[in-house]
Protein backbone atom coordinates (compact mmCIF):
# COMPACT_ATOMS: atom_id res chain seq x y z
CA MET A 1 154.15 96.07 141.34
CA PRO A 2 151.73 93.91 138.95
CA THR A 3 149.79 95.58 136.57
CA THR A 4 146.35 95.84 137.46
CA PHE A 5 143.53 96.08 135.08
CA SER A 6 139.92 97.31 136.26
CA ILE A 7 137.33 95.23 134.30
CA PRO A 8 134.43 97.02 132.97
CA VAL A 9 130.83 96.53 134.98
CA PRO A 10 127.89 95.88 132.48
CA PRO A 11 125.14 98.27 132.53
CA SER A 12 122.25 96.90 135.00
CA ALA A 13 119.13 96.15 133.91
CA ALA A 14 117.77 99.41 135.70
CA SER A 15 120.19 101.22 133.82
CA ARG A 16 119.62 99.83 130.61
CA ASP A 17 115.91 101.06 131.50
CA ALA A 18 116.61 104.34 132.27
CA GLU A 19 118.64 105.27 129.10
CA ASN A 20 115.72 103.29 127.25
CA GLU A 21 113.32 105.70 128.98
CA THR A 22 115.38 108.93 128.42
CA ARG A 23 115.81 107.79 124.28
CA GLU A 24 112.07 107.36 124.01
CA LYS A 25 111.11 110.65 125.85
CA LEU A 26 113.54 112.66 123.60
CA ILE A 27 112.15 110.87 120.53
CA ALA A 28 108.21 111.47 121.34
CA VAL A 29 109.29 114.96 122.25
CA ALA A 30 111.43 115.72 118.74
CA GLY A 31 108.42 114.24 117.33
CA THR A 32 106.29 116.77 118.33
CA LEU A 33 107.97 119.63 118.12
CA PHE A 34 109.55 119.33 114.71
CA ALA A 35 106.19 119.07 113.77
CA LEU A 36 105.19 122.14 115.34
CA HIS A 37 107.80 124.10 114.72
CA GLY A 38 109.84 122.98 111.84
CA TYR A 39 113.40 121.19 112.17
CA ARG A 40 115.19 124.84 111.80
CA GLY A 41 112.67 126.04 114.14
CA VAL A 42 113.98 123.54 117.18
CA SER A 43 117.43 123.68 118.59
CA VAL A 44 119.01 120.82 120.23
CA ARG A 45 118.17 122.41 124.09
CA ALA A 46 115.36 123.71 123.55
CA ILE A 47 114.16 119.40 122.60
CA ALA A 48 116.47 118.76 125.79
CA ALA A 49 114.81 120.96 128.01
CA ALA A 50 111.20 119.69 126.81
CA ALA A 51 112.29 116.08 127.43
CA GLY A 52 114.03 117.30 131.28
CA VAL A 53 117.49 116.06 130.23
CA ASN A 54 120.77 117.01 129.75
CA TRP A 55 121.40 118.56 125.79
CA SER A 56 124.28 116.64 125.58
CA LEU A 57 122.37 113.51 125.58
CA VAL A 58 121.20 114.02 121.91
CA GLY A 59 124.76 113.77 120.26
CA TYR A 60 125.24 110.98 122.63
CA TYR A 61 122.36 108.91 121.90
CA PHE A 62 121.55 110.36 118.09
CA ARG A 63 124.87 111.51 117.12
CA GLY A 64 123.04 115.26 116.73
CA LYS A 65 119.86 117.14 115.91
CA GLU A 66 119.53 115.45 112.32
CA GLY A 67 120.15 111.92 113.81
CA LEU A 68 117.11 112.53 116.23
CA LEU A 69 115.09 113.57 113.67
CA PHE A 70 115.95 110.74 111.08
CA GLU A 71 115.10 108.27 114.35
CA VAL A 72 111.38 110.18 114.81
CA TYR A 73 110.83 109.55 110.81
CA ARG A 74 112.13 105.84 110.80
CA ARG A 75 109.90 105.14 113.69
CA GLN A 76 106.64 106.41 111.75
CA CYS A 77 107.56 104.63 108.21
CA GLU A 78 108.13 101.39 109.84
CA ALA A 79 104.34 101.63 111.01
CA ILE A 80 103.53 102.63 108.24
CA LYS A 81 105.39 100.13 105.66
CA ALA A 82 104.15 97.28 107.63
CA GLU A 83 100.69 98.35 107.40
CA ARG A 84 100.98 98.52 103.86
CA SER A 85 102.94 95.57 103.07
CA GLN A 86 99.93 93.37 104.81
CA LEU A 87 97.02 95.45 103.33
CA LEU A 88 99.15 94.58 99.93
CA LYS A 89 99.05 90.68 100.53
CA ALA A 90 95.36 90.86 101.34
CA ALA A 91 94.88 92.45 98.06
CA LYS A 92 96.61 90.03 96.21
CA ALA A 93 95.41 87.17 97.42
CA GLU A 94 91.85 88.06 96.54
CA SER A 95 92.07 88.37 93.03
CA GLN A 96 95.06 88.68 90.37
CA PRO A 97 95.82 90.93 89.37
CA PRO A 98 94.32 93.13 92.30
CA GLN A 99 91.64 95.15 91.84
CA LEU A 100 92.65 99.06 91.64
CA GLU A 101 90.80 100.67 94.05
CA LYS A 102 92.08 97.72 96.98
CA VAL A 103 95.39 98.74 95.34
CA ILE A 104 94.80 102.60 96.00
CA GLU A 105 93.47 101.26 99.61
CA VAL A 106 96.87 99.89 100.59
CA PHE A 107 98.77 103.15 99.83
CA VAL A 108 95.48 105.60 101.09
CA LEU A 109 94.53 104.25 104.29
CA PRO A 110 97.86 104.06 106.53
CA ALA A 111 98.43 107.60 105.01
CA LEU A 112 94.80 108.99 106.40
CA SER A 113 94.86 106.96 109.69
CA VAL A 114 98.31 109.08 110.71
CA VAL A 115 96.42 112.29 110.52
CA GLN A 116 94.30 110.81 113.34
CA PRO A 117 95.52 112.72 116.25
CA GLN A 118 94.99 110.00 119.61
CA ALA A 119 97.43 107.73 117.24
CA GLY A 120 100.03 111.29 117.50
CA GLY A 121 100.04 110.36 113.48
CA ALA A 122 99.02 114.09 113.18
CA SER A 123 102.06 115.24 114.29
CA PHE A 124 103.86 113.06 111.66
CA SER A 125 101.72 113.84 108.42
CA ARG A 126 102.59 117.74 109.59
CA LEU A 127 106.07 117.09 110.07
CA CYS A 128 106.25 115.95 106.30
CA VAL A 129 104.44 119.45 105.49
CA MET A 130 106.94 121.06 107.70
CA LEU A 131 110.25 119.77 106.19
CA ALA A 132 109.12 119.69 102.63
CA ALA A 133 108.09 123.65 103.23
CA GLU A 134 111.48 124.24 104.85
CA ASN A 135 114.11 121.83 103.23
CA SER A 136 113.19 119.65 100.53
CA LYS A 137 116.47 118.47 100.04
CA LEU A 138 116.41 116.22 103.54
CA LEU A 139 112.55 115.44 103.21
CA ASP A 140 113.86 113.43 100.20
CA ARG A 141 116.82 112.01 102.03
CA LEU A 142 114.57 110.95 104.98
CA ALA A 143 111.45 109.84 102.38
CA LYS A 144 113.94 107.13 100.93
CA ASN A 145 112.55 104.89 103.98
CA PHE A 146 109.06 104.72 101.93
CA ASN A 147 111.30 103.34 98.62
CA ALA A 148 111.15 100.01 98.39
CA SER A 149 107.58 99.77 99.76
CA ASP A 150 106.59 102.10 97.08
CA VAL A 151 107.65 100.41 94.20
CA ALA A 152 105.88 97.24 95.53
CA LEU A 153 102.84 99.46 95.22
CA ILE A 154 103.74 100.78 91.70
CA ASP A 155 104.07 97.28 90.35
CA ALA A 156 100.57 96.42 91.51
CA LEU A 157 99.02 99.61 89.81
CA CYS A 158 101.56 98.59 86.99
CA GLU A 159 99.40 94.92 86.79
CA CYS A 160 95.69 96.70 87.29
CA LEU A 161 96.48 99.42 84.35
CA PRO A 162 98.09 97.15 81.64
CA ALA A 163 97.20 100.26 79.16
CA LEU A 164 99.58 102.40 80.88
CA SER A 165 103.01 102.81 80.83
CA ARG A 166 104.95 102.43 84.07
CA ASP A 167 105.85 106.59 83.38
CA GLU A 168 102.39 107.27 83.54
CA VAL A 169 101.90 105.30 86.49
CA PHE A 170 104.91 106.86 88.37
CA TRP A 171 103.12 110.38 87.83
CA ARG A 172 99.80 109.53 88.99
CA PHE A 173 101.41 107.93 92.41
CA HIS A 174 103.01 111.39 92.32
CA TYR A 175 99.83 113.16 92.21
CA MET A 176 98.18 110.87 94.84
CA ILE A 177 100.77 111.70 97.13
CA GLY A 178 100.02 114.76 96.92
CA ALA A 179 96.32 114.47 97.58
CA ILE A 180 97.24 112.88 101.16
CA TYR A 181 99.71 115.53 102.32
CA TYR A 182 97.44 118.67 101.07
CA THR A 183 95.03 116.57 103.17
CA ALA A 184 96.88 116.23 106.38
CA MET A 185 98.18 119.51 105.72
CA ASP A 186 95.33 121.77 106.06
CA PRO A 187 92.25 119.69 107.10
CA GLU A 188 90.37 122.57 108.62
CA ARG A 189 90.14 124.35 105.32
CA ILE A 190 87.23 122.30 103.91
CA LYS A 191 85.51 121.77 107.39
CA ASP A 192 85.63 125.85 107.16
CA LEU A 193 84.68 125.95 103.52
CA SER A 194 82.04 123.30 104.52
CA LYS A 195 80.97 124.75 107.76
CA GLY A 196 81.90 121.57 109.38
CA ARG A 197 79.72 119.09 107.47
CA CYS A 198 83.04 117.52 105.56
CA ASP A 199 86.29 116.31 108.01
CA PRO A 200 89.00 115.03 106.88
CA ALA A 201 89.82 113.50 110.33
CA ASN A 202 86.93 110.81 109.75
CA VAL A 203 88.88 108.05 107.97
CA SER A 204 86.45 105.87 106.79
CA GLU A 205 84.68 109.12 105.57
CA ASN A 206 87.57 110.55 103.92
CA ALA A 207 88.38 106.94 102.36
CA LYS A 208 84.84 106.57 100.64
CA ARG A 209 85.66 109.80 98.81
CA LEU A 210 89.31 109.82 98.11
CA ILE A 211 89.53 106.38 96.86
CA PRO A 212 87.05 106.09 93.75
CA PHE A 213 88.38 109.78 93.26
CA LEU A 214 92.25 108.41 93.07
CA ALA A 215 90.80 105.53 91.32
CA ALA A 216 89.13 107.74 88.56
CA GLY A 217 92.34 109.21 88.20
CA PHE A 218 94.44 106.14 87.23
CA ARG A 219 91.82 104.83 85.01
CA ALA A 220 92.06 108.00 82.99
CA PRO A 221 93.58 107.66 79.16
CA ALA A 222 97.60 108.43 78.67
CA SER A 223 97.05 111.99 77.31
CA LEU A 224 100.96 112.10 76.69
CA PRO A 225 103.56 109.39 75.03
CA PRO A 226 105.72 107.90 77.01
CA VAL A 227 109.27 109.96 77.83
CA THR A 228 112.15 108.85 75.92
CA ALA A 229 114.78 108.01 78.80
CA PRO A 230 117.52 110.53 78.28
CA GLY A 231 120.84 109.73 75.90
CA LYS A 232 118.33 106.99 74.11
CA LYS A 233 116.73 108.15 70.56
CA LYS A 234 113.35 107.51 70.14
CA ARG A 235 112.79 104.54 67.70
CA THR A 236 111.14 105.18 64.55
CA ALA A 237 109.65 102.67 61.58
CA ARG A 238 111.73 102.49 58.74
CA ARG A 239 109.68 102.45 55.74
CA ARG A 240 110.46 99.61 53.31
CA VAL A 241 111.55 99.57 49.65
CA THR A 242 110.08 97.55 47.49
């Protein structure tokens, strides 16, 4: 008898749409659950149950829970990076070197915007805080998504602040990230203390106060000398003998 071969049938448009819908549902549900309970506090079965799909699909589409987390994080990163890139180009087009406040705004505005619940950003901000609290190594791996865009911002900050060493700018950039994280982590704290007069969820009001505060910090004179790279000895001027 002649050998027969079955020809694989390509998935129909309806089948592809159904798969995409399932993937998107898992990403949306996982983003919310990870933000509420952390990475460790959510099981694959809990995500699948909330999405109304079979738990094995998490492995099929994302190779497991960690792969799903990476996709949730990457999606949010791409939107923030795109906005920052556009804002940085605009800031550089206005002046060379760009104004310090404008460069800080490039970092701050997209970060503050994701605190807004209607954009789904509050979940992303809280996700970052939860991951930092429970698994800094995992967050470090995820945060590498921002490395290229962060370096571009640090380059622009160095242009604005020629009197500071690059290491000093790195430190101050680090402190700026901390200010954003705390704003996202506990916005209710300042609302409670101020009896509702200060609301971090108001992006415009928040930015008007935060950007000048950060700019003053960046403009402060360096308090420490530049750090010598590991393995290198700091050069000292030799005294001439005449």
